[in-house]
């Protein structure tokens, strides 16, 4: 993972933590355990980093709900 992707992953985790009112460590664990982190965010960086922040956070929270790591 290069620095750009790492910076983006860190941004996603931080913004999700703020939006969900959860600790960053908890958000990281949920993303990692569900596969969202390494099967979606990292490989899709080229597309995801072009999204606006609100759309990106909506997309990620919806995906977390689909994967069962976030209550509806």
PDB file of N, CA and C in Angstrom:
ATOM      1  N   UNK A   1       0.865  -1.173   0.000  1.00  0.00           N
ATOM      2  CA  UNK A   1       0.000   0.000   0.000  1.00  0.00           C
ATOM      3  C   UNK A   1       0.907   1.230   0.000  1.00  0.00           C
ATOM      4  N   UNK A   2       0.687   2.116  -0.968  1.00  0.00           N
ATOM      5  CA  UNK A   2       1.528   3.312  -1.029  1.00  0.00           C
ATOM      6  C   UNK A   2       0.972   4.411  -0.112  1.00  0.00           C
ATOM      7  N   UNK A   3       1.710   5.509  -0.017  1.00  0.00           N
ATOM      8  CA  UNK A   3       1.340   6.600   0.904  1.00  0.00           C
ATOM      9  C   UNK A   3      -0.009   7.223   0.568  1.00  0.00           C
ATOM     10  N   UNK A   4      -0.322   7.363  -0.723  1.00  0.00           N
ATOM     11  CA  UNK A   4      -1.603   7.953  -1.112  1.00  0.00           C
ATOM     12  C   UNK A   4      -2.772   7.098  -0.638  1.00  0.00           C
ATOM     13  N   UNK A   5      -2.663   5.800  -0.828  1.00  0.00           N
ATOM     14  CA  UNK A   5      -3.724   4.886  -0.400  1.00  0.00           C
ATOM     15  C   UNK A   5      -3.817   4.865   1.122  1.00  0.00           C
ATOM     16  N   UNK A   6      -2.680   4.824   1.795  1.00  0.00           N
ATOM     17  CA  UNK A   6      -2.667   4.844   3.254  1.00  0.00           C
ATOM     18  C   UNK A   6      -3.309   6.114   3.801  1.00  0.00           C
ATOM     19  N   UNK A   7      -3.001   7.251   3.202  1.00  0.00           N
ATOM     20  CA  UNK A   7      -3.609   8.519   3.610  1.00  0.00           C
ATOM     21  C   UNK A   7      -5.117   8.481   3.403  1.00  0.00           C
ATOM     22  N   UNK A   8      -5.560   7.915   2.288  1.00  0.00           N
ATOM     23  CA  UNK A   8      -6.987   7.808   1.996  1.00  0.00           C
ATOM     24  C   UNK A   8      -7.687   6.885   2.990  1.00  0.00           C
ATOM     25  N   UNK A   9      -7.079   5.749   3.295  1.00  0.00           N
ATOM     26  CA  UNK A   9      -7.655   4.809   4.266  1.00  0.00           C
ATOM     27  C   UNK A   9      -7.779   5.490   5.633  1.00  0.00           C
ATOM     28  N   UNK A  10      -6.748   6.205   6.036  1.00  0.00           N
ATOM     29  CA  UNK A  10      -6.763   6.922   7.308  1.00  0.00           C
ATOM     30  C   UNK A  10      -7.873   7.963   7.323  1.00  0.00           C
ATOM     31  N   UNK A  11      -8.035   8.681   6.211  1.00  0.00           N
ATOM     32  CA  UNK A  11      -9.109   9.665   6.088  1.00  0.00           C
ATOM     33  C   UNK A  11     -10.476   8.986   6.230  1.00  0.00           C
ATOM     34  N   UNK A  12     -10.678   7.882   5.523  1.00  0.00           N
ATOM     35  CA  UNK A  12     -11.965   7.171   5.591  1.00  0.00           C
ATOM     36  C   UNK A  12     -12.281   6.730   7.017  1.00  0.00           C
ATOM     37  N   UNK A  13     -11.314   6.154   7.688  1.00  0.00           N
ATOM     38  CA  UNK A  13     -11.519   5.689   9.055  1.00  0.00           C
ATOM     39  C   UNK A  13     -11.852   6.867   9.970  1.00  0.00           C
ATOM     40  N   UNK A  14     -11.119   7.952   9.849  1.00  0.00           N
ATOM     41  CA  UNK A  14     -11.360   9.130  10.683  1.00  0.00           C
ATOM     42  C   UNK A  14     -12.737   9.736  10.449  1.00  0.00           C
ATOM     43  N   UNK A  15     -13.124   9.862   9.184  1.00  0.00           N
ATOM     44  CA  UNK A  15     -14.425  10.444   8.869  1.00  0.00           C
ATOM     45  C   UNK A  15     -15.577   9.537   9.292  1.00  0.00           C
ATOM     46  N   UNK A  16     -15.411   8.228   9.106  1.00  0.00           N
ATOM     47  CA  UNK A  16     -16.443   7.293   9.571  1.00  0.00           C
ATOM     48  C   UNK A  16     -16.576   7.342  11.086  1.00  0.00           C
ATOM     49  N   UNK A  17     -15.456   7.436  11.782  1.00  0.00           N
ATOM     50  CA  UNK A  17     -15.489   7.518  13.243  1.00  0.00           C
ATOM     51  C   UNK A  17     -16.272   8.749  13.692  1.00  0.00           C
ATOM     52  N   UNK A  18     -16.045   9.872  13.046  1.00  0.00           N
ATOM     53  CA  UNK A  18     -16.794  11.089  13.387  1.00  0.00           C
ATOM     54  C   UNK A  18     -18.281  10.925  13.089  1.00  0.00           C
ATOM     55  N   UNK A  19     -18.580  10.401  11.927  1.00  0.00           N
ATOM     56  CA  UNK A  19     -19.979  10.256  11.514  1.00  0.00           C
ATOM     57  C   UNK A  19     -20.733   9.266  12.403  1.00  0.00           C
ATOM     58  N   UNK A  20     -20.071   8.171  12.765  1.00  0.00           N
ATOM     59  CA  UNK A  20     -20.732   7.105  13.518  1.00  0.00           C
ATOM     60  C   UNK A  20     -20.588   7.260  15.031  1.00  0.00           C
ATOM     61  N   UNK A  21     -19.827   8.265  15.456  1.00  0.00           N
ATOM     62  CA  UNK A  21     -19.573   8.493  16.886  1.00  0.00           C
ATOM     63  C   UNK A  21     -18.975   7.243  17.535  1.00  0.00           C
ATOM     64  N   UNK A  22     -17.973   6.695  16.860  1.00  0.00           N
ATOM     65  CA  UNK A  22     -17.265   5.508  17.333  1.00  0.00           C
ATOM     66  C   UNK A  22     -15.774   5.799  17.370  1.00  0.00           C
ATOM     67  N   UNK A  23     -15.032   5.095  18.220  1.00  0.00           N
ATOM     68  CA  UNK A  23     -13.572   5.261  18.218  1.00  0.00           C
ATOM     69  C   UNK A  23     -12.992   4.780  16.879  1.00  0.00           C
ATOM     70  N   UNK A  24     -11.918   5.407  16.452  1.00  0.00           N
ATOM     71  CA  UNK A  24     -11.287   5.020  15.193  1.00  0.00           C
ATOM     72  C   UNK A  24     -10.850   3.561  15.189  1.00  0.00           C
ATOM     73  N   UNK A  25     -10.384   3.068  16.326  1.00  0.00           N
ATOM     74  CA  UNK A  25      -9.952   1.676  16.407  1.00  0.00           C
ATOM     75  C   UNK A  25     -11.121   0.727  16.125  1.00  0.00           C
ATOM     76  N   UNK A  26     -12.306   1.079  16.612  1.00  0.00           N
ATOM     77  CA  UNK A  26     -13.492   0.266  16.392  1.00  0.00           C
ATOM     78  C   UNK A  26     -13.872   0.259  14.910  1.00  0.00           C
ATOM     79  N   UNK A  27     -13.832   1.428  14.286  1.00  0.00           N
ATOM     80  CA  UNK A  27     -14.147   1.528  12.853  1.00  0.00           C
ATOM     81  C   UNK A  27     -13.144   0.687  12.060  1.00  0.00           C
ATOM     82  N   UNK A  28     -11.864   0.806  12.382  1.00  0.00           N
ATOM     83  CA  UNK A  28     -10.836   0.015  11.699  1.00  0.00           C
ATOM     84  C   UNK A  28     -11.118  -1.480  11.832  1.00  0.00           C
ATOM     85  N   UNK A  29     -11.415  -1.941  13.037  1.00  0.00           N
ATOM     86  CA  UNK A  29     -11.694  -3.362  13.259  1.00  0.00           C
ATOM     87  C   UNK A  29     -12.899  -3.830  12.446  1.00  0.00           C
ATOM     88  N   UNK A  30     -13.934  -3.006  12.404  1.00  0.00           N
ATOM     89  CA  UNK A  30     -15.144  -3.367  11.646  1.00  0.00           C
ATOM     90  C   UNK A  30     -14.852  -3.441  10.149  1.00  0.00           C
ATOM     91  N   UNK A  31     -14.108  -2.474   9.646  1.00  0.00           N
ATOM     92  CA  UNK A  31     -13.770  -2.488   8.218  1.00  0.00           C
ATOM     93  C   UNK A  31     -12.878  -3.676   7.873  1.00  0.00           C
ATOM     94  N   UNK A  32     -11.921  -3.957   8.738  1.00  0.00           N
ATOM     95  CA  UNK A  32     -10.996  -5.062   8.483  1.00  0.00           C
ATOM     96  C   UNK A  32     -11.706  -6.407   8.578  1.00  0.00           C
ATOM     97  N   UNK A  33     -12.487  -6.617   9.630  1.00  0.00           N
ATOM     98  CA  UNK A  33     -13.135  -7.918   9.835  1.00  0.00           C
ATOM     99  C   UNK A  33     -14.181  -8.224   8.778  1.00  0.00           C
ATOM    100  N   UNK A  34     -14.798  -7.192   8.221  1.00  0.00           N
ATOM    101  CA  UNK A  34     -15.835  -7.398   7.205  1.00  0.00           C
ATOM    102  C   UNK A  34     -15.265  -7.549   5.801  1.00  0.00           C
ATOM    103  N   UNK A  35     -13.985  -7.277   5.648  1.00  0.00           N
ATOM    104  CA  UNK A  35     -13.368  -7.332   4.331  1.00  0.00           C
ATOM    105  C   UNK A  35     -13.480  -6.037   3.551  1.00  0.00           C
ATOM    106  N   UNK A  36     -14.198  -5.063   4.087  1.00  0.00           N
ATOM    107  CA  UNK A  36     -14.391  -3.805   3.369  1.00  0.00           C
ATOM    108  C   UNK A  36     -13.058  -3.093   3.156  1.00  0.00           C
ATOM    109  N   UNK A  37     -12.188  -3.150   4.126  1.00  0.00           N
ATOM    110  CA  UNK A  37     -10.923  -2.421   4.040  1.00  0.00           C
ATOM    111  C   UNK A  37     -10.045  -2.933   2.900  1.00  0.00           C
ATOM    112  N   UNK A  38      -9.725  -4.235   2.927  1.00  0.00           N
ATOM    113  CA  UNK A  38      -8.763  -4.767   1.964  1.00  0.00           C
ATOM    114  C   UNK A  38      -9.398  -5.339   0.697  1.00  0.00           C
ATOM    115  N   UNK A  39     -10.707  -5.566   0.703  1.00  0.00           N
ATOM    116  CA  UNK A  39     -11.379  -6.085  -0.487  1.00  0.00           C
ATOM    117  C   UNK A  39     -12.156  -5.017  -1.241  1.00  0.00           C
ATOM    118  N   UNK A  40     -12.316  -3.837  -0.646  1.00  0.00           N
ATOM    119  CA  UNK A  40     -13.085  -2.780  -1.296  1.00  0.00           C
ATOM    120  C   UNK A  40     -12.343  -1.437  -1.316  1.00  0.00           C
ATOM    121  N   UNK A  41     -12.033  -0.911  -0.143  1.00  0.00           N
ATOM    122  CA  UNK A  41     -11.445   0.432  -0.089  1.00  0.00           C
ATOM    123  C   UNK A  41     -10.074   0.476  -0.770  1.00  0.00           C
ATOM    124  N   UNK A  42      -9.179  -0.417  -0.381  1.00  0.00           N
ATOM    125  CA  UNK A  42      -7.812  -0.379  -0.925  1.00  0.00           C
ATOM    126  C   UNK A  42      -7.801  -0.651  -2.438  1.00  0.00           C
ATOM    127  N   UNK A  43      -8.427  -1.739  -2.913  1.00  0.00           N
ATOM    128  CA  UNK A  43      -8.361  -1.973  -4.357  1.00  0.00           C
ATOM    129  C   UNK A  43      -9.157  -0.970  -5.199  1.00  0.00           C
ATOM    130  N   UNK A  44     -10.136  -0.305  -4.601  1.00  0.00           N
ATOM    131  CA  UNK A  44     -10.975   0.651  -5.330  1.00  0.00           C
ATOM    132  C   UNK A  44     -10.538   2.092  -5.122  1.00  0.00           C
ATOM    133  N   UNK A  45      -9.361   2.286  -4.564  1.00  0.00           N
ATOM    134  CA  UNK A  45      -8.867   3.634  -4.261  1.00  0.00           C
ATOM    135  C   UNK A  45      -8.983   4.573  -5.457  1.00  0.00           C
ATOM    136  N   UNK A  46      -8.570   4.106  -6.646  1.00  0.00           N
ATOM    137  CA  UNK A  46      -8.557   4.975  -7.828  1.00  0.00           C
ATOM    138  C   UNK A  46      -9.913   5.601  -8.101  1.00  0.00           C
ATOM    139  N   UNK A  47     -10.986   4.866  -7.852  1.00  0.00           N
ATOM    140  CA  UNK A  47     -12.335   5.390  -8.071  1.00  0.00           C
ATOM    141  C   UNK A  47     -12.846   6.112  -6.827  1.00  0.00           C
ATOM    142  N   UNK A  48     -12.711   5.471  -5.668  1.00  0.00           N
ATOM    143  CA  UNK A  48     -13.289   6.016  -4.430  1.00  0.00           C
ATOM    144  C   UNK A  48     -12.732   7.391  -4.073  1.00  0.00           C
ATOM    145  N   UNK A  49     -11.453   7.624  -4.333  1.00  0.00           N
ATOM    146  CA  UNK A  49     -10.877   8.908  -3.909  1.00  0.00           C
ATOM    147  C   UNK A  49     -11.401  10.083  -4.736  1.00  0.00           C
ATOM    148  N   UNK A  50     -12.125   9.795  -5.807  1.00  0.00           N
ATOM    149  CA  UNK A  50     -12.702  10.875  -6.608  1.00  0.00           C
ATOM    150  C   UNK A  50     -14.092  11.286  -6.110  1.00  0.00           C
ATOM    151  N   UNK A  51     -14.673  10.496  -5.214  1.00  0.00           N
ATOM    152  CA  UNK A  51     -16.010  10.790  -4.688  1.00  0.00           C
ATOM    153  C   UNK A  51     -15.952  11.954  -3.708  1.00  0.00           C
ATOM    154  N   UNK A  52     -17.032  12.670  -3.581  1.00  0.00           N
ATOM    155  CA  UNK A  52     -17.158  13.675  -2.541  1.00  0.00           C
ATOM    156  C   UNK A  52     -17.243  12.999  -1.187  1.00  0.00           C
ATOM    157  N   UNK A  53     -16.894  13.721  -0.153  1.00  0.00           N
ATOM    158  CA  UNK A  53     -16.842  13.148   1.193  1.00  0.00           C
ATOM    159  C   UNK A  53     -18.189  12.584   1.643  1.00  0.00           C
ATOM    160  N   UNK A  54     -19.257  13.338   1.438  1.00  0.00           N
ATOM    161  CA  UNK A  54     -20.579  12.884   1.889  1.00  0.00           C
ATOM    162  C   UNK A  54     -20.980  11.596   1.151  1.00  0.00           C
ATOM    163  N   UNK A  55     -20.790  11.577  -0.157  1.00  0.00           N
ATOM    164  CA  UNK A  55     -21.139  10.392  -0.940  1.00  0.00           C
ATOM    165  C   UNK A  55     -20.299   9.198  -0.498  1.00  0.00           C
ATOM    166  N   UNK A  56     -19.006   9.417  -0.293  1.00  0.00           N
ATOM    167  CA  UNK A  56     -18.104   8.353   0.137  1.00  0.00           C
ATOM    168  C   UNK A  56     -18.532   7.781   1.484  1.00  0.00           C
ATOM    169  N   UNK A  57     -18.840   8.650   2.447  1.00  0.00           N
ATOM    170  CA  UNK A  57     -19.252   8.168   3.762  1.00  0.00           C
ATOM    171  C   UNK A  57     -20.601   7.439   3.690  1.00  0.00           C
ATOM    172  N   UNK A  58     -21.522   7.928   2.860  1.00  0.00           N
ATOM    173  CA  UNK A  58     -22.801   7.224   2.664  1.00  0.00           C
ATOM    174  C   UNK A  58     -22.557   5.839   2.085  1.00  0.00           C
ATOM    175  N   UNK A  59     -21.693   5.762   1.089  1.00  0.00           N
ATOM    176  CA  UNK A  59     -21.370   4.495   0.447  1.00  0.00           C
ATOM    177  C   UNK A  59     -20.768   3.512   1.449  1.00  0.00           C
ATOM    178  N   UNK A  60     -19.812   3.971   2.232  1.00  0.00           N
ATOM    179  CA  UNK A  60     -19.144   3.085   3.184  1.00  0.00           C
ATOM    180  C   UNK A  60     -20.066   2.660   4.320  1.00  0.00           C
ATOM    181  N   UNK A  61     -20.890   3.565   4.828  1.00  0.00           N
ATOM    182  CA  UNK A  61     -21.810   3.169   5.906  1.00  0.00           C
ATOM    183  C   UNK A  61     -22.870   2.202   5.384  1.00  0.00           C
ATOM    184  N   UNK A  62     -23.354   2.413   4.170  1.00  0.00           N
ATOM    185  CA  UNK A  62     -24.307   1.467   3.576  1.00  0.00           C
ATOM    186  C   UNK A  62     -23.676   0.088   3.429  1.00  0.00           C
ATOM    187  N   UNK A  63     -22.432   0.056   2.972  1.00  0.00           N
ATOM    188  CA  UNK A  63     -21.729  -1.211   2.800  1.00  0.00           C
ATOM    189  C   UNK A  63     -21.493  -1.887   4.155  1.00  0.00           C
ATOM    190  N   UNK A  64     -21.169  -1.106   5.174  1.00  0.00           N
ATOM    191  CA  UNK A  64     -20.990  -1.668   6.516  1.00  0.00           C
ATOM    192  C   UNK A  64     -22.289  -2.297   7.006  1.00  0.00           C
ATOM    193  N   UNK A  65     -23.420  -1.665   6.723  1.00  0.00           N
ATOM    194  CA  UNK A  65     -24.725  -2.238   7.102  1.00  0.00           C
ATOM    195  C   UNK A  65     -24.980  -3.547   6.352  1.00  0.00           C
ATOM    196  N   UNK A  66     -24.682  -3.545   5.050  1.00  0.00           N
ATOM    197  CA  UNK A  66     -24.867  -4.754   4.239  1.00  0.00           C
ATOM    198  C   UNK A  66     -24.031  -5.911   4.769  1.00  0.00           C
ATOM    199  N   UNK A  67     -22.829  -5.610   5.216  1.00  0.00           N
ATOM    200  CA  UNK A  67     -21.917  -6.638   5.729  1.00  0.00           C
ATOM    201  C   UNK A  67     -22.233  -7.030   7.176  1.00  0.00           C
ATOM    202  N   UNK A  68     -23.154  -6.315   7.813  1.00  0.00           N
ATOM    203  CA  UNK A  68     -23.559  -6.670   9.165  1.00  0.00           C
ATOM    204  C   UNK A  68     -22.644  -6.181  10.264  1.00  0.00           C
ATOM    205  N   UNK A  69     -21.798  -5.199   9.977  1.00  0.00           N
ATOM    206  CA  UNK A  69     -20.903  -4.676  11.017  1.00  0.00           C
ATOM    207  C   UNK A  69     -21.361  -3.317  11.526  1.00  0.00           C
ATOM    208  N   UNK A  70     -22.567  -2.918  11.094  1.00  0.00           N
ATOM    209  CA  UNK A  70     -23.148  -1.668  11.551  1.00  0.00           C
ATOM    210  C   UNK A  70     -24.657  -1.851  11.570  1.00  0.00           C
ATOM    211  N   UNK A  71     -25.266  -1.496  12.691  1.00  0.00           N
ATOM    212  CA  UNK A  71     -26.711  -1.648  12.802  1.00  0.00           C
ATOM    213  C   UNK A  71     -27.426  -0.617  11.952  1.00  0.00           C
ATOM    214  N   UNK A  72     -28.592  -0.983  11.475  1.00  0.00           N
ATOM    215  CA  UNK A  72     -29.386  -0.082  10.627  1.00  0.00           C
ATOM    216  C   UNK A  72     -29.981   1.045  11.397  1.00  0.00           C
TER     217      UNK A  72
END
